[in-house]
Amino acid sequence: MADFEIPKNGQLCWYELATPDVEKCKEFYSNIFGWNLQQSEITEMNYTEIHTDEKAIGGILQMTDEWKMPETGKMMPAHWMTYIAVDDVDATAEKAKSLGANICVKPVDVPNVGRFSVINDPTGATFTVIKFVEA
């Protein structure tokens, strides 16, 4: 299992690819960058972790019908998401909202992982804040 340290508040800490074709992406990224891609041991869901230099730095997630945009019914495009560590997800989401952000995904817990929220900044850029559970 790869090492993972709980990041400090404000630190860019995880990079996640959401894609409709995980296998195609696994082949592409392992070949272009030499990434070691492994099924996560932390969650029961089908989630591929990205390991470099024996460290877990991100993951690859399968997009499902839940990823369809309500306005069009079409699947959201594949994309990379940046995660930023925070000490308090709920407080950070509220502060972001007060500063003009849109909360796309309200704070929610993920078993064995932590609590997160997806936010659009005032210009529309999307990022995720997360507080990981202590191992």
C-alpha atoms as a PDB file:
ATOM      1  CA  MET A   1       0.000   0.000   0.000  1.00  0.00           C
ATOM      2  CA  ALA A   2       1.295   3.465  -0.888  1.00  0.00           C
ATOM      3  CA  ASP A   3       2.047   6.091   1.739  1.00  0.00           C
ATOM      4  CA  PHE A   4      -0.385   8.920   2.352  1.00  0.00           C
ATOM      5  CA  GLU A   5       0.073  11.746   4.839  1.00  0.00           C
ATOM      6  CA  ILE A   6      -2.875  13.814   6.045  1.00  0.00           C
ATOM      7  CA  PRO A   7      -2.274  17.194   4.346  1.00  0.00           C
ATOM      8  CA  LYS A   8      -2.211  20.575   6.069  1.00  0.00           C
ATOM      9  CA  ASN A   9      -5.035  23.113   5.831  1.00  0.00           C
ATOM     10  CA  GLY A  10      -4.938  24.880   2.447  1.00  0.00           C
ATOM     11  CA  GLN A  11      -2.647  22.330   0.805  1.00  0.00           C
ATOM     12  CA  LEU A  12      -3.396  20.992  -2.673  1.00  0.00           C
ATOM     13  CA  CYS A  13      -3.548  17.332  -1.816  1.00  0.00           C
ATOM     14  CA  TRP A  14      -5.351  15.000  -4.252  1.00  0.00           C
ATOM     15  CA  TYR A  15      -5.965  14.870  -7.982  1.00  0.00           C
ATOM     16  CA  GLU A  16      -8.884  12.871  -9.323  1.00  0.00           C
ATOM     17  CA  LEU A  17      -9.854  11.980 -12.861  1.00  0.00           C
ATOM     18  CA  ALA A  18     -13.569  11.390 -13.462  1.00  0.00           C
ATOM     19  CA  THR A  19     -14.038   9.529 -16.734  1.00  0.00           C
ATOM     20  CA  PRO A  20     -16.599   7.393 -18.543  1.00  0.00           C
ATOM     21  CA  ASP A  21     -13.798   4.945 -19.530  1.00  0.00           C
ATOM     22  CA  VAL A  22     -11.516   4.067 -16.614  1.00  0.00           C
ATOM     23  CA  GLU A  23      -9.718   1.246 -18.424  1.00  0.00           C
ATOM     24  CA  LYS A  24      -8.808   3.450 -21.398  1.00  0.00           C
ATOM     25  CA  CYS A  25      -7.486   6.133 -19.028  1.00  0.00           C
ATOM     26  CA  LYS A  26      -5.532   3.626 -16.956  1.00  0.00           C
ATOM     27  CA  GLU A  27      -3.776   2.402 -20.091  1.00  0.00           C
ATOM     28  CA  PHE A  28      -3.099   5.940 -21.349  1.00  0.00           C
ATOM     29  CA  TYR A  29      -1.756   7.432 -18.090  1.00  0.00           C
ATOM     30  CA  SER A  30       0.293   4.412 -17.052  1.00  0.00           C
ATOM     31  CA  ASN A  31       1.939   4.375 -20.488  1.00  0.00           C
ATOM     32  CA  ILE A  32       2.577   8.105 -20.787  1.00  0.00           C
ATOM     33  CA  PHE A  33       3.700   8.786 -17.197  1.00  0.00           C
ATOM     34  CA  GLY A  34       4.569   5.342 -15.824  1.00  0.00           C
ATOM     35  CA  TRP A  35       2.034   5.674 -13.009  1.00  0.00           C
ATOM     36  CA  ASN A  36       1.415   2.693 -10.755  1.00  0.00           C
ATOM     37  CA  LEU A  37      -2.381   2.293 -10.744  1.00  0.00           C
ATOM     38  CA  GLN A  38      -4.017   0.095  -8.106  1.00  0.00           C
ATOM     39  CA  GLN A  39      -7.478  -0.632  -6.756  1.00  0.00           C
ATOM     40  CA  SER A  40      -7.944   1.349  -3.545  1.00  0.00           C
ATOM     41  CA  GLU A  41      -7.741  -0.613  -0.297  1.00  0.00           C
ATOM     42  CA  ILE A  42      -9.521   2.187   1.605  1.00  0.00           C
ATOM     43  CA  THR A  43     -12.912   2.029  -0.089  1.00  0.00           C
ATOM     44  CA  GLU A  44     -15.059  -0.827  -1.360  1.00  0.00           C
ATOM     45  CA  MET A  45     -16.076   1.114  -4.452  1.00  0.00           C
ATOM     46  CA  ASN A  46     -14.265   0.578  -7.739  1.00  0.00           C
ATOM     47  CA  TYR A  47     -11.643   3.323  -7.362  1.00  0.00           C
ATOM     48  CA  THR A  48      -8.188   3.277  -8.915  1.00  0.00           C
ATOM     49  CA  GLU A  49      -5.468   5.039  -6.925  1.00  0.00           C
ATOM     50  CA  ILE A  50      -2.572   6.780  -8.644  1.00  0.00           C
ATOM     51  CA  HIS A  51       0.779   6.035  -6.987  1.00  0.00           C
ATOM     52  CA  THR A  52       4.061   7.753  -7.776  1.00  0.00           C
ATOM     53  CA  ASP A  53       7.271   7.288  -5.797  1.00  0.00           C
ATOM     54  CA  GLU A  54       5.363   4.982  -3.398  1.00  0.00           C
ATOM     55  CA  LYS A  55       2.927   7.802  -2.551  1.00  0.00           C
ATOM     56  CA  ALA A  56      -0.807   7.928  -3.254  1.00  0.00           C
ATOM     57  CA  ILE A  57      -1.461  11.231  -5.049  1.00  0.00           C
ATOM     58  CA  GLY A  58      -4.836  10.787  -6.708  1.00  0.00           C
ATOM     59  CA  GLY A  59      -7.387   8.518  -8.222  1.00  0.00           C
ATOM     60  CA  ILE A  60      -9.476   7.583 -11.223  1.00  0.00           C
ATOM     61  CA  LEU A  61     -13.241   7.390 -10.828  1.00  0.00           C
ATOM     62  CA  GLN A  62     -15.877   5.898 -13.148  1.00  0.00           C
ATOM     63  CA  MET A  63     -18.549   8.379 -14.216  1.00  0.00           C
ATOM     64  CA  THR A  64     -22.094   6.952 -14.097  1.00  0.00           C
ATOM     65  CA  ASP A  65     -25.542   8.182 -15.109  1.00  0.00           C
ATOM     66  CA  GLU A  66     -25.508  10.281 -11.916  1.00  0.00           C
ATOM     67  CA  TRP A  67     -23.009  12.517 -13.723  1.00  0.00           C
ATOM     68  CA  LYS A  68     -25.549  13.585 -16.340  1.00  0.00           C
ATOM     69  CA  MET A  69     -26.223  17.317 -16.447  1.00  0.00           C
ATOM     70  CA  PRO A  70     -29.858  18.005 -15.523  1.00  0.00           C
ATOM     71  CA  GLU A  71     -30.169  20.840 -18.058  1.00  0.00           C
ATOM     72  CA  THR A  72     -29.235  18.693 -21.055  1.00  0.00           C
ATOM     73  CA  GLY A  73     -29.387  15.066 -19.925  1.00  0.00           C
ATOM     74  CA  LYS A  74     -25.918  14.628 -21.435  1.00  0.00           C
ATOM     75  CA  MET A  75     -22.960  13.201 -19.576  1.00  0.00           C
ATOM     76  CA  MET A  76     -20.604  15.761 -18.073  1.00  0.00           C
ATOM     77  CA  PRO A  77     -17.234  15.732 -19.879  1.00  0.00           C
ATOM     78  CA  ALA A  78     -14.367  13.768 -18.375  1.00  0.00           C
ATOM     79  CA  HIS A  79     -12.289  16.042 -16.162  1.00  0.00           C
ATOM     80  CA  TRP A  80      -9.608  16.367 -13.527  1.00  0.00           C
ATOM     81  CA  MET A  81     -10.588  17.626 -10.044  1.00  0.00           C
ATOM     82  CA  THR A  82      -8.182  19.229  -7.584  1.00  0.00           C
ATOM     83  CA  TYR A  83      -8.739  18.656  -3.876  1.00  0.00           C
ATOM     84  CA  ILE A  84      -7.653  21.155  -1.230  1.00  0.00           C
ATOM     85  CA  ALA A  85      -7.290  20.077   2.408  1.00  0.00           C
ATOM     86  CA  VAL A  86      -9.199  22.025   5.052  1.00  0.00           C
ATOM     87  CA  ASP A  87      -9.671  21.707   8.800  1.00  0.00           C
ATOM     88  CA  ASP A  88     -13.464  22.139   8.591  1.00  0.00           C
ATOM     89  CA  VAL A  89     -15.362  21.353   5.377  1.00  0.00           C
ATOM     90  CA  ASP A  90     -18.662  22.855   6.521  1.00  0.00           C
ATOM     91  CA  ALA A  91     -17.131  26.133   7.697  1.00  0.00           C
ATOM     92  CA  THR A  92     -15.066  26.422   4.514  1.00  0.00           C
ATOM     93  CA  ALA A  93     -18.108  25.818   2.290  1.00  0.00           C
ATOM     94  CA  GLU A  94     -20.084  28.464   4.193  1.00  0.00           C
ATOM     95  CA  LYS A  95     -17.228  30.957   3.956  1.00  0.00           C
ATOM     96  CA  ALA A  96     -16.829  30.268   0.238  1.00  0.00           C
ATOM     97  CA  LYS A  97     -20.568  30.837  -0.267  1.00  0.00           C
ATOM     98  CA  SER A  98     -20.368  34.135   1.626  1.00  0.00           C
ATOM     99  CA  LEU A  99     -17.551  35.174  -0.724  1.00  0.00           C
ATOM    100  CA  GLY A 100     -19.630  34.534  -3.849  1.00  0.00           C
ATOM    101  CA  ALA A 101     -18.980  30.844  -4.519  1.00  0.00           C
ATOM    102  CA  ASN A 102     -21.588  28.279  -5.524  1.00  0.00           C
ATOM    103  CA  ILE A 103     -21.752  25.027  -3.544  1.00  0.00           C
ATOM    104  CA  CYS A 104     -22.159  22.263  -6.155  1.00  0.00           C
ATOM    105  CA  VAL A 105     -22.062  19.369  -3.683  1.00  0.00           C
ATOM    106  CA  LYS A 106     -22.955  20.159  -0.091  1.00  0.00           C
ATOM    107  CA  PRO A 107     -20.594  18.758   2.557  1.00  0.00           C
ATOM    108  CA  VAL A 108     -20.914  14.990   2.714  1.00  0.00           C
ATOM    109  CA  ASP A 109     -19.084  12.124   4.416  1.00  0.00           C
ATOM    110  CA  VAL A 110     -17.380   9.285   2.547  1.00  0.00           C
ATOM    111  CA  PRO A 111     -16.789   6.245   4.784  1.00  0.00           C
ATOM    112  CA  ASN A 112     -13.099   5.576   5.528  1.00  0.00           C
ATOM    113  CA  VAL A 113     -12.070   8.637   3.488  1.00  0.00           C
ATOM    114  CA  GLY A 114     -13.366  11.870   5.028  1.00  0.00           C
ATOM    115  CA  ARG A 115     -15.762  14.743   4.444  1.00  0.00           C
ATOM    116  CA  PHE A 116     -15.810  16.816   1.251  1.00  0.00           C
ATOM    117  CA  SER A 117     -17.673  19.518  -0.663  1.00  0.00           C
ATOM    118  CA  VAL A 118     -17.461  20.575  -4.319  1.00  0.00           C
ATOM    119  CA  ILE A 119     -17.362  24.320  -4.898  1.00  0.00           C
ATOM    120  CA  ASN A 120     -17.373  26.704  -7.873  1.00  0.00           C
ATOM    121  CA  ASP A 121     -15.384  29.848  -7.123  1.00  0.00           C
ATOM    122  CA  PRO A 122     -16.943  33.211  -8.119  1.00  0.00           C
ATOM    123  CA  THR A 123     -15.489  32.852 -11.648  1.00  0.00           C
ATOM    124  CA  GLY A 124     -16.854  29.312 -12.116  1.00  0.00           C
ATOM    125  CA  ALA A 125     -13.678  27.301 -11.496  1.00  0.00           C
ATOM    126  CA  THR A 126     -14.450  24.051  -9.692  1.00  0.00           C
ATOM    127  CA  PHE A 127     -12.487  22.528  -6.820  1.00  0.00           C
ATOM    128  CA  THR A 128     -13.136  20.213  -3.890  1.00  0.00           C
ATOM    129  CA  VAL A 129     -12.348  20.811  -0.236  1.00  0.00           C
ATOM    130  CA  ILE A 130     -11.709  17.759   1.921  1.00  0.00           C
ATOM    131  CA  LYS A 131     -10.870  16.751   5.463  1.00  0.00           C
ATOM    132  CA  PHE A 132      -9.474  13.232   5.485  1.00  0.00           C
ATOM    133  CA  VAL A 133     -10.172  10.854   8.355  1.00  0.00           C
ATOM    134  CA  GLU A 134      -7.192  10.003  10.507  1.00  0.00           C
ATOM    135  CA  ALA A 135      -5.963   6.452   9.874  1.00  0.00           C
END
